[in-house]
Amino acid sequence: MQGEEVLTACDAYNGRLLWEREIPGIPRKGLSADCGNIASDGESLFVAAGDRCLRLEAATGRTLEEYALPP
């Protein structure tokens, strides 16, 4: 779940908090009109944050890689 510059992961079955991370550059503005800034491939979350994209481990929220976004 995305909040104002925070990302939270919860267990889909019981709602238990798995992890929470503050990530500057991921504001929760315009979500009703714009596309999202998070995607997943089953094992990783890809989060667009400002001028970079973070690849996070889905189970822990740990940063696995960081990519520079084109201008």
C-alpha atoms as a PDB file:
ATOM      1  CA  MET A   1       0.000   0.000   0.000  1.00  0.00           C
ATOM      2  CA  GLN A   2       1.276   3.425  -0.851  1.00  0.00           C
ATOM      3  CA  GLY A   3       0.944   6.391   1.456  1.00  0.00           C
ATOM      4  CA  GLU A   4       2.507   9.847   1.357  1.00  0.00           C
ATOM      5  CA  GLU A   5       6.165   8.916   0.704  1.00  0.00           C
ATOM      6  CA  VAL A   6       5.762   5.572   2.478  1.00  0.00           C
ATOM      7  CA  LEU A   7       5.251   2.035   1.188  1.00  0.00           C
ATOM      8  CA  THR A   8       3.700  -0.661   3.394  1.00  0.00           C
ATOM      9  CA  ALA A   9       3.363  -4.395   2.765  1.00  0.00           C
ATOM     10  CA  CYS A  10       0.745  -6.486   4.550  1.00  0.00           C
ATOM     11  CA  ASP A  11      -0.059 -10.184   4.521  1.00  0.00           C
ATOM     12  CA  ALA A  12      -2.942 -10.696   2.081  1.00  0.00           C
ATOM     13  CA  TYR A  13      -4.535 -13.395   4.262  1.00  0.00           C
ATOM     14  CA  ASN A  14      -4.530 -11.868   7.730  1.00  0.00           C
ATOM     15  CA  GLY A  15      -3.579  -8.191   7.219  1.00  0.00           C
ATOM     16  CA  ARG A  16      -0.436  -8.442   9.403  1.00  0.00           C
ATOM     17  CA  LEU A  17       2.179  -5.773   8.695  1.00  0.00           C
ATOM     18  CA  LEU A  18       5.178  -7.332   6.933  1.00  0.00           C
ATOM     19  CA  TRP A  19       7.314  -4.229   6.416  1.00  0.00           C
ATOM     20  CA  GLU A  20       7.142  -0.467   5.968  1.00  0.00           C
ATOM     21  CA  ARG A  21       9.590   1.874   4.207  1.00  0.00           C
ATOM     22  CA  GLU A  22       9.834   5.608   3.809  1.00  0.00           C
ATOM     23  CA  ILE A  23      10.728   6.387   0.205  1.00  0.00           C
ATOM     24  CA  PRO A  24      11.126  10.059  -0.689  1.00  0.00           C
ATOM     25  CA  GLY A  25       9.738  10.890  -4.118  1.00  0.00           C
ATOM     26  CA  ILE A  26       6.614   8.704  -4.072  1.00  0.00           C
ATOM     27  CA  PRO A  27       3.866  11.188  -3.287  1.00  0.00           C
ATOM     28  CA  ARG A  28       0.275   9.958  -3.289  1.00  0.00           C
ATOM     29  CA  LYS A  29      -1.109  12.709  -5.506  1.00  0.00           C
ATOM     30  CA  GLY A  30      -3.222  12.245  -8.611  1.00  0.00           C
ATOM     31  CA  LEU A  31      -3.710   8.493  -8.226  1.00  0.00           C
ATOM     32  CA  SER A  32      -7.330   8.725  -9.332  1.00  0.00           C
ATOM     33  CA  ALA A  33      -6.335  10.347 -12.637  1.00  0.00           C
ATOM     34  CA  ASP A  34      -2.819   9.048 -13.355  1.00  0.00           C
ATOM     35  CA  CYS A  35      -1.323   5.607 -13.690  1.00  0.00           C
ATOM     36  CA  GLY A  36       0.422   4.029 -10.722  1.00  0.00           C
ATOM     37  CA  ASN A  37       4.115   4.092  -9.951  1.00  0.00           C
ATOM     38  CA  ILE A  38       4.414   0.525  -8.612  1.00  0.00           C
ATOM     39  CA  ALA A  39       4.647  -2.779 -10.502  1.00  0.00           C
ATOM     40  CA  SER A  40       5.578  -6.310  -9.448  1.00  0.00           C
ATOM     41  CA  ASP A  41       6.828  -9.520 -11.002  1.00  0.00           C
ATOM     42  CA  GLY A  42       5.906 -11.829  -8.121  1.00  0.00           C
ATOM     43  CA  GLU A  43       9.230 -11.615  -6.298  1.00  0.00           C
ATOM     44  CA  SER A  44      10.072  -7.926  -6.613  1.00  0.00           C
ATOM     45  CA  LEU A  45       8.335  -4.565  -6.445  1.00  0.00           C
ATOM     46  CA  PHE A  46       9.437  -1.870  -8.864  1.00  0.00           C
ATOM     47  CA  VAL A  47       8.775   1.618  -7.492  1.00  0.00           C
ATOM     48  CA  ALA A  48       9.241   4.805  -9.535  1.00  0.00           C
ATOM     49  CA  ALA A  49      10.489   7.468  -7.120  1.00  0.00           C
ATOM     50  CA  GLY A  50      11.499  10.793  -8.612  1.00  0.00           C
ATOM     51  CA  ASP A  51      14.296  10.225 -11.134  1.00  0.00           C
ATOM     52  CA  ARG A  52      14.952   6.595 -10.166  1.00  0.00           C
ATOM     53  CA  CYS A  53      13.280   3.200 -10.029  1.00  0.00           C
ATOM     54  CA  LEU A  54      13.860   0.959  -7.041  1.00  0.00           C
ATOM     55  CA  ARG A  55      13.636  -2.811  -7.236  1.00  0.00           C
ATOM     56  CA  LEU A  56      12.564  -3.991  -3.783  1.00  0.00           C
ATOM     57  CA  GLU A  57      12.462  -7.529  -2.457  1.00  0.00           C
ATOM     58  CA  ALA A  58       8.720  -8.171  -2.043  1.00  0.00           C
ATOM     59  CA  ALA A  59       9.100 -10.209   1.157  1.00  0.00           C
ATOM     60  CA  THR A  60      11.270  -7.704   3.058  1.00  0.00           C
ATOM     61  CA  GLY A  61      11.203  -4.340   1.268  1.00  0.00           C
ATOM     62  CA  ARG A  62      14.994  -4.407   1.003  1.00  0.00           C
ATOM     63  CA  THR A  63      16.431  -2.560  -2.020  1.00  0.00           C
ATOM     64  CA  LEU A  64      17.862  -5.061  -4.488  1.00  0.00           C
ATOM     65  CA  GLU A  65      18.724  -2.653  -7.309  1.00  0.00           C
ATOM     66  CA  GLU A  66      18.321   0.973  -8.279  1.00  0.00           C
ATOM     67  CA  TYR A  67      17.882   2.193 -11.846  1.00  0.00           C
ATOM     68  CA  ALA A  68      18.183   5.727 -13.223  1.00  0.00           C
ATOM     69  CA  LEU A  69      15.082   6.824 -15.148  1.00  0.00           C
ATOM     70  CA  PRO A  70      15.428   8.674 -18.439  1.00  0.00           C
ATOM     71  CA  PRO A  71      14.687  12.408 -18.344  1.00  0.00           C
END
